Amino acid sequence: MRTRTAGTVLVLGAALAVAIPTAAYANTVAVTVKSPGATSGPSTANSEISTHADCSSGLISGGGINQATGTGNGNHVMGTSPSSDGTSEYTGSTGVVGTDVTHWLGIGGSGGQADSSFSTTPFAVCFTSSLINHTQVVMNKVNAPTAATTVGRVTATCPANTILLGGGARATPASVGDFKPIASFPTFNNSAHDFGLKAAANGETNPDSWTAVGWANGTNSTNETYVYAICSGSNINISGVTVKVHYSEASGPTAGSTGQKVTVNCPSGDGKLISGGAAISGGSVTTTDFTGPGSGGDHLNGSFPSDSSGNPVSNGTTTAAYWTAFTHTGGMSSPSTYSDVWALCANDGV
């Protein structure tokens, strides 16, 4: 039986006044991807490690994570999310939790087994030039899923008259080794998208919300799934801004202990890559409410800016145009499972 658990928040941010030209202007979006490289671990079962990527200049528009899995199935994404200082997480009160954030967390978790080859690499996508010169983070959370193979879906919505730039997801506690976020994607707070339960489809423009989905292979009453929407600052003129979604879905992975990558790009006419999302799912996520994949052990191992072949870009890259999702099954077969990826492409010129 499917359990429908969803949360949605619509909040008003503090005013951040800036002067904006009124005349026509060229696209000014420029981004740089920053990454410190891999951090080893976790080295023990049912634990996590945290690492961060930082914008030396500019503000994050989004971020990503990539993991080395070794020969086991235990390494999985526990969080890919904004941070105020590179260490602290936004897990308290919901609503607008931060402004002008410059740090991105990558949190890797282990299940019932650990491998010396496990590692996590975070990526920060940094605005180095844009008319959007202030940002804010909206967080929402839900106490779900608490039962096995049910989804904990939660959505955060940008304040009115702002624009979505990217988003992230987090799951706690790491001591529940089979619990993790399996989806982090752009969406809309409207009935056509069932208020965040259906993802933004290929070619849609200016989504206003971000959804995260938690997934577990067991029962635990304290599971919490967090979602983060990164939005433009309030009182910024966004009339010339277009954020376009590009999306792709592929069948699989379905065999136990196997992985798959799926990649999508920002065509040059749609502006610069500013963020992306990923999921392992039951498929058709843009036309039906999100459902979980075929096995409780299925998980994400990556959501990151990449080249056309799905390889992560290097630190300092200014020309990233692709986003890749890296999905993986647990030790069991996973029938009717799909891999999903989103890229957000921004143009702030007319």
C-alpha atoms as a PDB file:
ATOM      1  CA  MET A   1       0.000   0.000   0.000  1.00  0.00           C
ATOM      2  CA  ARG A   2       1.332   3.426  -0.903  1.00  0.00           C
ATOM      3  CA  THR A   3       1.652   5.927   1.905  1.00  0.00           C
ATOM      4  CA  ARG A   4       1.261   9.513   0.863  1.00  0.00           C
ATOM      5  CA  THR A   5       3.288  11.857   3.052  1.00  0.00           C
ATOM      6  CA  ALA A   6       3.883  15.369   1.840  1.00  0.00           C
ATOM      7  CA  GLY A   7       4.683  18.745   3.263  1.00  0.00           C
ATOM      8  CA  THR A   8       4.603  22.088   1.553  1.00  0.00           C
ATOM      9  CA  VAL A   9       5.712  25.451   2.745  1.00  0.00           C
ATOM     10  CA  LEU A  10       5.197  28.880   1.255  1.00  0.00           C
ATOM     11  CA  VAL A  11       6.967  31.640   3.078  1.00  0.00           C
ATOM     12  CA  LEU A  12       7.836  35.288   2.825  1.00  0.00           C
ATOM     13  CA  GLY A  13      11.527  36.207   2.936  1.00  0.00           C
ATOM     14  CA  ALA A  14      13.123  39.326   4.306  1.00  0.00           C
ATOM     15  CA  ALA A  15      13.496  42.155   1.803  1.00  0.00           C
ATOM     16  CA  LEU A  16      16.846  42.508   0.097  1.00  0.00           C
ATOM     17  CA  ALA A  17      16.772  45.659  -1.998  1.00  0.00           C
ATOM     18  CA  VAL A  18      19.024  46.063  -5.020  1.00  0.00           C
ATOM     19  CA  ALA A  19      19.125  48.426  -7.980  1.00  0.00           C
ATOM     20  CA  ILE A  20      18.267  46.726 -11.284  1.00  0.00           C
ATOM     21  CA  PRO A  21      18.669  48.244 -14.755  1.00  0.00           C
ATOM     22  CA  THR A  22      15.375  48.825 -16.503  1.00  0.00           C
ATOM     23  CA  ALA A  23      16.743  48.702 -20.046  1.00  0.00           C
ATOM     24  CA  ALA A  24      17.252  45.537 -22.081  1.00  0.00           C
ATOM     25  CA  TYR A  25      20.441  43.685 -21.138  1.00  0.00           C
ATOM     26  CA  ALA A  26      22.527  40.720 -22.204  1.00  0.00           C
ATOM     27  CA  ASN A  27      22.607  37.444 -20.295  1.00  0.00           C
ATOM     28  CA  THR A  28      25.017  37.922 -17.383  1.00  0.00           C
ATOM     29  CA  VAL A  29      24.845  34.460 -15.810  1.00  0.00           C
ATOM     30  CA  ALA A  30      28.296  33.008 -15.189  1.00  0.00           C
ATOM     31  CA  VAL A  31      29.002  30.065 -12.915  1.00  0.00           C
ATOM     32  CA  THR A  32      32.043  28.274 -11.550  1.00  0.00           C
ATOM     33  CA  VAL A  33      31.982  24.761 -10.103  1.00  0.00           C
ATOM     34  CA  LYS A  34      34.039  24.339  -6.945  1.00  0.00           C
ATOM     35  CA  SER A  35      35.033  21.011  -5.414  1.00  0.00           C
ATOM     36  CA  PRO A  36      37.690  20.023  -2.864  1.00  0.00           C
ATOM     37  CA  GLY A  37      37.925  16.433  -4.115  1.00  0.00           C
ATOM     38  CA  ALA A  38      37.010  13.243  -2.320  1.00  0.00           C
ATOM     39  CA  THR A  39      36.741  12.619   1.420  1.00  0.00           C
ATOM     40  CA  SER A  40      37.145   8.977   2.486  1.00  0.00           C
ATOM     41  CA  GLY A  41      34.530   7.090   4.462  1.00  0.00           C
ATOM     42  CA  PRO A  42      32.354   6.140   6.169  1.00  0.00           C
ATOM     43  CA  SER A  43      34.645   3.463   7.573  1.00  0.00           C
ATOM     44  CA  THR A  44      32.050   1.809   9.817  1.00  0.00           C
ATOM     45  CA  ALA A  45      28.536   0.500   9.229  1.00  0.00           C
ATOM     46  CA  ASN A  46      25.475   2.676   9.871  1.00  0.00           C
ATOM     47  CA  SER A  47      27.387   5.952  10.054  1.00  0.00           C
ATOM     48  CA  GLU A  48      28.054   9.036   7.932  1.00  0.00           C
ATOM     49  CA  ILE A  49      30.758  11.506   6.931  1.00  0.00           C
ATOM     50  CA  SER A  50      30.294  15.171   5.988  1.00  0.00           C
ATOM     51  CA  THR A  51      32.367  17.240   3.589  1.00  0.00           C
ATOM     52  CA  HIS A  52      31.809  20.582   1.874  1.00  0.00           C
ATOM     53  CA  ALA A  53      32.516  22.637  -1.244  1.00  0.00           C
ATOM     54  CA  ASP A  54      32.802  26.412  -0.952  1.00  0.00           C
ATOM     55  CA  CYS A  55      32.345  29.372  -3.268  1.00  0.00           C
ATOM     56  CA  SER A  56      35.450  31.541  -2.975  1.00  0.00           C
ATOM     57  CA  SER A  57      33.437  34.236  -4.752  1.00  0.00           C
ATOM     58  CA  GLY A  58      29.762  34.437  -5.627  1.00  0.00           C
ATOM     59  CA  LEU A  59      26.764  32.623  -4.140  1.00  0.00           C
ATOM     60  CA  ILE A  60      25.624  29.034  -4.576  1.00  0.00           C
ATOM     61  CA  SER A  61      22.840  28.435  -7.060  1.00  0.00           C
ATOM     62  CA  GLY A  62      22.959  24.721  -6.338  1.00  0.00           C
ATOM     63  CA  GLY A  63      25.293  21.862  -5.626  1.00  0.00           C
ATOM     64  CA  GLY A  64      25.966  18.190  -6.022  1.00  0.00           C
ATOM     65  CA  ILE A  65      27.590  15.031  -4.739  1.00  0.00           C
ATOM     66  CA  ASN A  66      29.402  12.010  -6.181  1.00  0.00           C
ATOM     67  CA  GLN A  67      30.438   8.833  -4.378  1.00  0.00           C
ATOM     68  CA  ALA A  68      32.864   5.969  -4.827  1.00  0.00           C
ATOM     69  CA  THR A  69      31.103   2.722  -3.958  1.00  0.00           C
ATOM     70  CA  GLY A  70      33.940   0.193  -3.811  1.00  0.00           C
ATOM     71  CA  THR A  71      32.828  -3.411  -4.096  1.00  0.00           C
ATOM     72  CA  GLY A  72      29.891  -3.128  -1.693  1.00  0.00           C
ATOM     73  CA  ASN A  73      26.367  -1.733  -1.756  1.00  0.00           C
ATOM     74  CA  GLY A  74      26.527   0.230   1.479  1.00  0.00           C
ATOM     75  CA  ASN A  75      27.666   3.707   0.422  1.00  0.00           C
ATOM     76  CA  HIS A  76      24.773   6.068  -0.296  1.00  0.00           C
ATOM     77  CA  VAL A  77      23.874   9.745  -0.348  1.00  0.00           C
ATOM     78  CA  MET A  78      22.627  10.946   3.056  1.00  0.00           C
ATOM     79  CA  GLY A  79      22.574  14.625   2.133  1.00  0.00           C
ATOM     80  CA  THR A  80      23.357  17.117  -0.601  1.00  0.00           C
ATOM     81  CA  SER A  81      22.383  20.513   0.736  1.00  0.00           C
ATOM     82  CA  PRO A  82      23.275  24.178   1.381  1.00  0.00           C
ATOM     83  CA  SER A  83      25.107  25.193   4.550  1.00  0.00           C
ATOM     84  CA  SER A  84      25.702  28.483   6.328  1.00  0.00           C
ATOM     85  CA  ASP A  85      29.349  27.746   7.128  1.00  0.00           C
ATOM     86  CA  GLY A  86      30.324  24.430   5.507  1.00  0.00           C
ATOM     87  CA  THR A  87      29.669  22.529   8.728  1.00  0.00           C
ATOM     88  CA  SER A  88      26.221  23.415  10.049  1.00  0.00           C
ATOM     89  CA  GLU A  89      23.007  22.066   8.579  1.00  0.00           C
ATOM     90  CA  TYR A  90      19.590  23.664   8.351  1.00  0.00           C
ATOM     91  CA  THR A  91      17.440  21.242  10.379  1.00  0.00           C
ATOM     92  CA  GLY A  92      15.571  23.487  12.830  1.00  0.00           C
ATOM     93  CA  SER A  93      12.521  25.640  12.154  1.00  0.00           C
ATOM     94  CA  THR A  94      11.065  25.580   8.646  1.00  0.00           C
ATOM     95  CA  GLY A  95      10.819  28.579   6.333  1.00  0.00           C
ATOM     96  CA  VAL A  96      13.573  30.914   5.159  1.00  0.00           C
ATOM     97  CA  VAL A  97      16.635  29.618   6.999  1.00  0.00           C
ATOM     98  CA  GLY A  98      19.525  31.414   5.300  1.00  0.00           C
ATOM     99  CA  THR A  99      20.519  34.147   2.867  1.00  0.00           C
ATOM    100  CA  ASP A 100      23.449  34.582   0.473  1.00  0.00           C
ATOM    101  CA  VAL A 101      24.777  31.071   1.179  1.00  0.00           C
ATOM    102  CA  THR A 102      28.230  30.132  -0.168  1.00  0.00           C
ATOM    103  CA  HIS A 103      28.733  26.539   1.087  1.00  0.00           C
ATOM    104  CA  TRP A 104      27.451  23.128  -0.032  1.00  0.00           C
ATOM    105  CA  LEU A 105      27.474  19.921   2.011  1.00  0.00           C
ATOM    106  CA  GLY A 106      27.996  16.415   0.694  1.00  0.00           C
ATOM    107  CA  ILE A 107      27.055  13.765   3.263  1.00  0.00           C
ATOM    108  CA  GLY A 108      27.763  10.109   2.650  1.00  0.00           C
ATOM    109  CA  GLY A 109      26.225   7.300   4.664  1.00  0.00           C
ATOM    110  CA  SER A 110      26.870   3.580   5.068  1.00  0.00           C
ATOM    111  CA  GLY A 111      24.368   0.802   5.438  1.00  0.00           C
ATOM    112  CA  GLY A 112      25.079  -2.508   7.092  1.00  0.00           C
ATOM    113  CA  GLN A 113      28.493  -2.762   5.467  1.00  0.00           C
ATOM    114  CA  ALA A 114      31.448  -0.441   4.934  1.00  0.00           C
ATOM    115  CA  ASP A 115      34.282  -0.567   2.417  1.00  0.00           C
ATOM    116  CA  SER A 116      37.677   1.096   2.507  1.00  0.00           C
ATOM    117  CA  SER A 117      37.010   2.487  -0.987  1.00  0.00           C
ATOM    118  CA  PHE A 118      33.967   4.541   0.105  1.00  0.00           C
ATOM    119  CA  SER A 119      34.301   8.288  -0.467  1.00  0.00           C
ATOM    120  CA  THR A 120      32.168  11.375  -1.083  1.00  0.00           C
ATOM    121  CA  THR A 121      32.937  14.404  -3.281  1.00  0.00           C
ATOM    122  CA  PRO A 122      30.815  17.593  -2.964  1.00  0.00           C
ATOM    123  CA  PHE A 123      30.304  20.229  -5.672  1.00  0.00           C
ATOM    124  CA  ALA A 124      29.214  23.850  -5.254  1.00  0.00           C
ATOM    125  CA  VAL A 125      27.780  25.628  -8.289  1.00  0.00           C
ATOM    126  CA  CYS A 126      28.680  29.279  -7.709  1.00  0.00           C
ATOM    127  CA  PHE A 127      27.176  32.357  -9.342  1.00  0.00           C
ATOM    128  CA  THR A 128      30.237  34.428 -10.259  1.00  0.00           C
ATOM    129  CA  SER A 129      28.179  36.909 -12.254  1.00  0.00           C
ATOM    130  CA  SER A 130      24.434  37.417 -12.382  1.00  0.00           C
ATOM    131  CA  LEU A 131      21.750  40.026 -11.913  1.00  0.00           C
ATOM    132  CA  ILE A 132      20.522  37.703  -9.144  1.00  0.00           C
ATOM    133  CA  ASN A 133      22.951  38.976  -6.519  1.00  0.00           C
ATOM    134  CA  HIS A 134      21.079  37.847  -3.406  1.00  0.00           C
ATOM    135  CA  THR A 135      19.658  34.419  -2.583  1.00  0.00           C
ATOM    136  CA  GLN A 136      17.682  32.733   0.178  1.00  0.00           C
ATOM    137  CA  VAL A 137      17.204  29.129   1.312  1.00  0.00           C
ATOM    138  CA  VAL A 138      13.770  27.741   2.202  1.00  0.00           C
ATOM    139  CA  MET A 139      13.677  24.525   4.247  1.00  0.00           C
ATOM    140  CA  ASN A 140      10.849  22.112   4.990  1.00  0.00           C
ATOM    141  CA  LYS A 141      10.836  18.704   6.697  1.00  0.00           C
ATOM    142  CA  VAL A 142       8.637  15.717   7.406  1.00  0.00           C
ATOM    143  CA  ASN A 143       8.777  12.863   9.931  1.00  0.00           C
ATOM    144  CA  ALA A 144       8.716  10.191   7.224  1.00  0.00           C
ATOM    145  CA  PRO A 145       9.033   7.542   6.016  1.00  0.00           C
ATOM    146  CA  THR A 146       8.521   5.597   9.212  1.00  0.00           C
ATOM    147  CA  ALA A 147       7.523   2.279   7.576  1.00  0.00           C
ATOM    148  CA  ALA A 148       9.440   0.076   5.154  1.00  0.00           C
ATOM    149  CA  THR A 149       9.333   0.800   1.394  1.00  0.00           C
ATOM    150  CA  THR A 150       7.105   3.843   1.734  1.00  0.00           C
ATOM    151  CA  VAL A 151       8.075   7.298   0.539  1.00  0.00           C
ATOM    152  CA  GLY A 152       8.521  10.392   2.698  1.00  0.00           C
ATOM    153  CA  ARG A 153       7.837  13.265   0.298  1.00  0.00           C
ATOM    154  CA  VAL A 154       8.313  16.888   1.283  1.00  0.00           C
ATOM    155  CA  THR A 155       8.327  20.124  -0.718  1.00  0.00           C
ATOM    156  CA  ALA A 156       9.700  23.625  -0.142  1.00  0.00           C
ATOM    157  CA  THR A 157       8.316  26.546  -2.155  1.00  0.00           C
ATOM    158  CA  CYS A 158      10.069  29.812  -2.961  1.00  0.00           C
ATOM    159  CA  PRO A 159       8.523  33.064  -1.673  1.00  0.00           C
ATOM    160  CA  ALA A 160       6.241  34.979  -4.044  1.00  0.00           C
ATOM    161  CA  ASN A 161       8.017  37.056  -6.704  1.00  0.00           C
ATOM    162  CA  THR A 162      11.240  35.073  -6.438  1.00  0.00           C
ATOM    163  CA  ILE A 163      12.634  32.358  -8.686  1.00  0.00           C
ATOM    164  CA  LEU A 164      13.893  28.846  -7.954  1.00  0.00           C
ATOM    165  CA  LEU A 165      17.602  28.325  -8.635  1.00  0.00           C
ATOM    166  CA  GLY A 166      18.237  24.860  -7.201  1.00  0.00           C
ATOM    167  CA  GLY A 167      17.704  22.638  -4.203  1.00  0.00           C
ATOM    168  CA  GLY A 168      18.819  19.767  -2.045  1.00  0.00           C
ATOM    169  CA  ALA A 169      17.843  16.953   0.302  1.00  0.00           C
ATOM    170  CA  ARG A 170      18.884  15.441   3.633  1.00  0.00           C
ATOM    171  CA  ALA A 171      17.869  12.401   5.719  1.00  0.00           C
ATOM    172  CA  THR A 172      18.507  11.684   9.402  1.00  0.00           C
ATOM    173  CA  PRO A 173      19.473   9.704  11.429  1.00  0.00           C
ATOM    174  CA  ALA A 174      22.453   7.980   9.772  1.00  0.00           C
ATOM    175  CA  SER A 175      22.365   5.255  12.436  1.00  0.00           C
ATOM    176  CA  VAL A 176      19.358   3.831  10.573  1.00  0.00           C
ATOM    177  CA  GLY A 177      21.572   2.452   7.838  1.00  0.00           C
ATOM    178  CA  ASP A 178      18.809   1.620   5.360  1.00  0.00           C
ATOM    179  CA  PHE A 179      17.330   5.165   5.407  1.00  0.00           C
ATOM    180  CA  LYS A 180      18.356   7.733   2.789  1.00  0.00           C
ATOM    181  CA  PRO A 181      17.029  10.370   0.364  1.00  0.00           C
ATOM    182  CA  ILE A 182      16.380   8.844  -3.061  1.00  0.00           C
ATOM    183  CA  ALA A 183      15.120  11.940  -4.895  1.00  0.00           C
ATOM    184  CA  SER A 184      15.804  15.673  -5.074  1.00  0.00           C
ATOM    185  CA  PHE A 185      14.097  17.531  -7.931  1.00  0.00           C
ATOM    186  CA  PRO A 186      12.458  20.759  -9.159  1.00  0.00           C
ATOM    187  CA  THR A 187       8.682  21.030  -9.241  1.00  0.00           C
ATOM    188  CA  PHE A 188       5.742  23.429  -8.954  1.00  0.00           C
ATOM    189  CA  ASN A 189       3.397  24.286  -6.112  1.00  0.00           C
ATOM    190  CA  ASN A 190       0.260  23.854  -8.231  1.00  0.00           C
ATOM    191  CA  SER A 191      -2.457  21.289  -8.867  1.00  0.00           C
ATOM    192  CA  ALA A 192      -0.962  20.184 -12.203  1.00  0.00           C
ATOM    193  CA  HIS A 193       2.076  18.900 -10.288  1.00  0.00           C
ATOM    194  CA  ASP A 194       0.006  17.758  -7.280  1.00  0.00           C
ATOM    195  CA  PHE A 195       1.699  20.454  -5.209  1.00  0.00           C
ATOM    196  CA  GLY A 196       5.179  19.029  -5.582  1.00  0.00           C
ATOM    197  CA  LEU A 197       4.471  15.287  -5.784  1.00  0.00           C
ATOM    198  CA  LYS A 198       4.978  15.318  -9.579  1.00  0.00           C
ATOM    199  CA  ALA A 199       8.331  16.553 -10.830  1.00  0.00           C
ATOM    200  CA  ALA A 200       8.954  19.309 -13.359  1.00  0.00           C
ATOM    201  CA  ALA A 201       8.998  17.921 -16.891  1.00  0.00           C
ATOM    202  CA  ASN A 202      11.412  18.487 -19.745  1.00  0.00           C
ATOM    203  CA  GLY A 203      10.983  21.961 -21.238  1.00  0.00           C
ATOM    204  CA  GLU A 204       8.966  23.483 -18.393  1.00  0.00           C
ATOM    205  CA  THR A 205      10.048  26.923 -17.242  1.00  0.00           C
ATOM    206  CA  ASN A 206      10.383  28.720 -13.928  1.00  0.00           C
ATOM    207  CA  PRO A 207       9.564  25.995 -11.385  1.00  0.00           C
ATOM    208  CA  ASP A 208       8.911  27.487  -7.952  1.00  0.00           C
ATOM    209  CA  SER A 209       9.514  24.518  -5.633  1.00  0.00           C
ATOM    210  CA  TRP A 210      11.860  21.664  -4.783  1.00  0.00           C
ATOM    211  CA  THR A 211      10.910  18.193  -3.525  1.00  0.00           C
ATOM    212  CA  ALA A 212      12.943  15.600  -1.603  1.00  0.00           C
ATOM    213  CA  VAL A 213      11.973  11.973  -1.036  1.00  0.00           C
ATOM    214  CA  GLY A 214      13.146   9.733   1.793  1.00  0.00           C
ATOM    215  CA  TRP A 215      13.204   5.916   1.452  1.00  0.00           C
ATOM    216  CA  ALA A 216      13.837   3.111   3.934  1.00  0.00           C
ATOM    217  CA  ASN A 217      14.059  -0.660   3.973  1.00  0.00           C
ATOM    218  CA  GLY A 218      12.822  -0.910   7.553  1.00  0.00           C
ATOM    219  CA  THR A 219      10.669   0.741  10.206  1.00  0.00           C
ATOM    220  CA  ASN A 220      11.847   3.640  12.369  1.00  0.00           C
ATOM    221  CA  SER A 221       9.713   6.309  14.045  1.00  0.00           C
ATOM    222  CA  THR A 222      12.430   9.008  14.106  1.00  0.00           C
ATOM    223  CA  ASN A 223      13.218   9.203  10.379  1.00  0.00           C
ATOM    224  CA  GLU A 224      13.262  12.797   9.098  1.00  0.00           C
ATOM    225  CA  THR A 225      13.427  13.908   5.458  1.00  0.00           C
ATOM    226  CA  TYR A 226      14.501  17.498   4.729  1.00  0.00           C
ATOM    227  CA  VAL A 227      14.189  19.546   1.559  1.00  0.00           C
ATOM    228  CA  TYR A 228      15.891  22.816   0.583  1.00  0.00           C
ATOM    229  CA  ALA A 229      14.854  25.271  -2.131  1.00  0.00           C
ATOM    230  CA  ILE A 230      17.427  27.871  -3.180  1.00  0.00           C
ATOM    231  CA  CYS A 231      15.596  30.981  -4.362  1.00  0.00           C
ATOM    232  CA  SER A 232      16.461  34.460  -5.548  1.00  0.00           C
ATOM    233  CA  GLY A 233      16.431  37.139  -2.862  1.00  0.00           C
ATOM    234  CA  SER A 234      13.216  39.035  -2.251  1.00  0.00           C
ATOM    235  CA  ASN A 235      12.665  42.391  -4.008  1.00  0.00           C
ATOM    236  CA  ILE A 236      15.010  41.507  -6.890  1.00  0.00           C
ATOM    237  CA  ASN A 237      13.658  42.206 -10.366  1.00  0.00           C
ATOM    238  CA  ILE A 238      13.309  38.748 -11.949  1.00  0.00           C
ATOM    239  CA  SER A 239      11.131  39.845 -14.861  1.00  0.00           C
ATOM    240  CA  GLY A 240      13.891  39.017 -17.360  1.00  0.00           C
ATOM    241  CA  VAL A 241      14.926  35.708 -15.803  1.00  0.00           C
ATOM    242  CA  THR A 242      14.043  32.337 -17.286  1.00  0.00           C
ATOM    243  CA  VAL A 243      14.968  29.045 -15.652  1.00  0.00           C
ATOM    244  CA  LYS A 244      14.313  26.139 -18.007  1.00  0.00           C
ATOM    245  CA  VAL A 245      14.129  22.488 -16.950  1.00  0.00           C
ATOM    246  CA  HIS A 246      15.736  19.700 -18.913  1.00  0.00           C
ATOM    247  CA  TYR A 247      14.898  16.165 -17.830  1.00  0.00           C
ATOM    248  CA  SER A 248      15.652  12.573 -18.798  1.00  0.00           C
ATOM    249  CA  GLU A 249      14.574   9.175 -17.488  1.00  0.00           C
ATOM    250  CA  ALA A 250      16.144   5.771 -18.170  1.00  0.00           C
ATOM    251  CA  SER A 251      15.029   2.276 -17.240  1.00  0.00           C
ATOM    252  CA  GLY A 252      17.102   0.569 -14.540  1.00  0.00           C
ATOM    253  CA  PRO A 253      19.157  -0.391 -12.682  1.00  0.00           C
ATOM    254  CA  THR A 254      17.208  -3.597 -12.061  1.00  0.00           C
ATOM    255  CA  ALA A 255      19.823  -6.230 -11.207  1.00  0.00           C
ATOM    256  CA  GLY A 256      21.087  -6.414  -7.638  1.00  0.00           C
ATOM    257  CA  SER A 257      24.375  -4.675  -6.798  1.00  0.00           C
ATOM    258  CA  THR A 258      24.489  -2.668 -10.028  1.00  0.00           C
ATOM    259  CA  GLY A 259      24.599   1.034 -10.823  1.00  0.00           C
ATOM    260  CA  GLN A 260      23.544   3.327 -13.627  1.00  0.00           C
ATOM    261  CA  LYS A 261      24.222   6.866 -14.792  1.00  0.00           C
ATOM    262  CA  VAL A 262      21.868   9.105 -16.766  1.00  0.00           C
ATOM    263  CA  THR A 263      22.835  12.541 -18.084  1.00  0.00           C
ATOM    264  CA  VAL A 264      20.984  15.588 -19.427  1.00  0.00           C
ATOM    265  CA  ASN A 265      22.307  18.908 -20.741  1.00  0.00           C
ATOM    266  CA  CYS A 266      21.562  22.609 -20.982  1.00  0.00           C
ATOM    267  CA  PRO A 267      21.503  23.579 -24.693  1.00  0.00           C
ATOM    268  CA  SER A 268      23.355  26.829 -25.307  1.00  0.00           C
ATOM    269  CA  GLY A 269      20.174  28.704 -26.174  1.00  0.00           C
ATOM    270  CA  ASP A 270      18.678  27.992 -22.747  1.00  0.00           C
ATOM    271  CA  GLY A 271      21.413  29.667 -20.719  1.00  0.00           C
ATOM    272  CA  LYS A 272      23.917  28.367 -18.188  1.00  0.00           C
ATOM    273  CA  LEU A 273      23.682  25.263 -16.036  1.00  0.00           C
ATOM    274  CA  ILE A 274      22.983  26.461 -12.487  1.00  0.00           C
ATOM    275  CA  SER A 275      21.891  23.270 -10.686  1.00  0.00           C
ATOM    276  CA  GLY A 276      20.369  19.839 -11.089  1.00  0.00           C
ATOM    277  CA  GLY A 277      18.560  16.978  -9.415  1.00  0.00           C
ATOM    278  CA  ALA A 278      18.402  13.190  -9.382  1.00  0.00           C
ATOM    279  CA  ALA A 279      16.200  10.271  -8.379  1.00  0.00           C
ATOM    280  CA  ILE A 280      15.868   6.508  -8.360  1.00  0.00           C
ATOM    281  CA  SER A 281      12.152   5.865  -8.701  1.00  0.00           C
ATOM    282  CA  GLY A 282       9.214   3.821  -9.859  1.00  0.00           C
ATOM    283  CA  GLY A 283       9.172   5.838 -13.085  1.00  0.00           C
ATOM    284  CA  SER A 284       6.938   8.406 -14.806  1.00  0.00           C
ATOM    285  CA  VAL A 285       7.773  10.948 -12.116  1.00  0.00           C
ATOM    286  CA  THR A 286       6.681  13.940 -14.223  1.00  0.00           C
ATOM    287  CA  THR A 287       3.199  12.557 -14.904  1.00  0.00           C
ATOM    288  CA  THR A 288       2.337  10.679 -11.691  1.00  0.00           C
ATOM    289  CA  ASP A 289       2.976  11.253  -7.993  1.00  0.00           C
ATOM    290  CA  PHE A 290       6.467  10.086  -7.075  1.00  0.00           C
ATOM    291  CA  THR A 291       6.668   6.391  -6.180  1.00  0.00           C
ATOM    292  CA  GLY A 292       9.607   4.432  -4.838  1.00  0.00           C
ATOM    293  CA  PRO A 293      11.781   2.015  -6.844  1.00  0.00           C
ATOM    294  CA  GLY A 294      11.563  -1.763  -6.878  1.00  0.00           C
ATOM    295  CA  SER A 295      13.669  -2.543  -3.803  1.00  0.00           C
ATOM    296  CA  GLY A 296      14.085  -1.043  -0.345  1.00  0.00           C
ATOM    297  CA  GLY A 297      17.861  -1.027  -0.687  1.00  0.00           C
ATOM    298  CA  ASP A 298      17.931   1.177  -3.809  1.00  0.00           C
ATOM    299  CA  HIS A 299      19.776   4.461  -3.362  1.00  0.00           C
ATOM    300  CA  LEU A 300      21.535   7.443  -4.917  1.00  0.00           C
ATOM    301  CA  ASN A 301      25.305   7.637  -5.282  1.00  0.00           C
ATOM    302  CA  GLY A 302      25.475  10.881  -7.200  1.00  0.00           C
ATOM    303  CA  SER A 303      23.876  14.061  -8.519  1.00  0.00           C
ATOM    304  CA  PHE A 304      26.528  16.327 -10.003  1.00  0.00           C
ATOM    305  CA  PRO A 305      27.664  18.638 -12.832  1.00  0.00           C
ATOM    306  CA  SER A 306      29.375  16.570 -15.498  1.00  0.00           C
ATOM    307  CA  ASP A 307      30.643  16.283 -19.046  1.00  0.00           C
ATOM    308  CA  SER A 308      28.557  14.682 -21.787  1.00  0.00           C
ATOM    309  CA  SER A 309      29.812  11.216 -20.797  1.00  0.00           C
ATOM    310  CA  GLY A 310      28.681  11.560 -17.191  1.00  0.00           C
ATOM    311  CA  ASN A 311      32.104  12.223 -15.697  1.00  0.00           C
ATOM    312  CA  PRO A 312      32.209  14.826 -12.895  1.00  0.00           C
ATOM    313  CA  VAL A 313      33.707  18.170 -13.883  1.00  0.00           C
ATOM    314  CA  SER A 314      36.899  19.347 -12.218  1.00  0.00           C
ATOM    315  CA  ASN A 315      37.341  22.098  -9.653  1.00  0.00           C
ATOM    316  CA  GLY A 316      37.180  25.557 -11.222  1.00  0.00           C
ATOM    317  CA  THR A 317      35.192  24.527 -14.299  1.00  0.00           C
ATOM    318  CA  THR A 318      33.291  27.475 -15.848  1.00  0.00           C
ATOM    319  CA  THR A 319      31.731  25.655 -18.815  1.00  0.00           C
ATOM    320  CA  ALA A 320      29.709  22.835 -17.197  1.00  0.00           C
ATOM    321  CA  ALA A 321      26.620  22.148 -19.318  1.00  0.00           C
ATOM    322  CA  TYR A 322      25.515  18.654 -18.203  1.00  0.00           C
ATOM    323  CA  TRP A 323      24.073  17.123 -15.033  1.00  0.00           C
ATOM    324  CA  THR A 324      24.361  13.419 -14.157  1.00  0.00           C
ATOM    325  CA  ALA A 325      22.442  11.160 -11.774  1.00  0.00           C
ATOM    326  CA  PHE A 326      24.249   8.083 -10.419  1.00  0.00           C
ATOM    327  CA  THR A 327      21.850   5.446  -9.037  1.00  0.00           C
ATOM    328  CA  HIS A 328      22.441   2.026  -7.499  1.00  0.00           C
ATOM    329  CA  THR A 329      20.519  -1.009  -6.302  1.00  0.00           C
ATOM    330  CA  GLY A 330      21.139  -2.807  -3.058  1.00  0.00           C
ATOM    331  CA  GLY A 331      21.878  -6.484  -2.961  1.00  0.00           C
ATOM    332  CA  MET A 332      18.447  -7.474  -4.290  1.00  0.00           C
ATOM    333  CA  SER A 333      16.988  -7.270  -7.768  1.00  0.00           C
ATOM    334  CA  SER A 334      14.856  -4.191  -8.362  1.00  0.00           C
ATOM    335  CA  PRO A 335      12.156  -4.651 -11.011  1.00  0.00           C
ATOM    336  CA  SER A 336      10.423  -1.648 -12.616  1.00  0.00           C
ATOM    337  CA  THR A 337      13.081   0.771 -11.374  1.00  0.00           C
ATOM    338  CA  TYR A 338      14.086   3.977 -13.178  1.00  0.00           C
ATOM    339  CA  SER A 339      16.822   6.609 -12.985  1.00  0.00           C
ATOM    340  CA  ASP A 340      15.908  10.286 -13.343  1.00  0.00           C
ATOM    341  CA  VAL A 341      17.966  13.444 -13.846  1.00  0.00           C
ATOM    342  CA  TRP A 342      17.162  17.177 -14.081  1.00  0.00           C
ATOM    343  CA  ALA A 343      19.233  20.167 -15.195  1.00  0.00           C
ATOM    344  CA  LEU A 344      18.210  23.781 -14.489  1.00  0.00           C
ATOM    345  CA  CYS A 345      19.396  26.275 -17.083  1.00  0.00           C
ATOM    346  CA  ALA A 346      19.241  30.028 -16.449  1.00  0.00           C
ATOM    347  CA  ASN A 347      19.177  33.082 -18.659  1.00  0.00           C
ATOM    348  CA  ASP A 348      18.738  36.501 -17.056  1.00  0.00           C
ATOM    349  CA  GLY A 349      18.963  38.531 -20.260  1.00  0.00           C
ATOM    350  CA  VAL A 350      16.494  39.746 -22.866  1.00  0.00           C
END
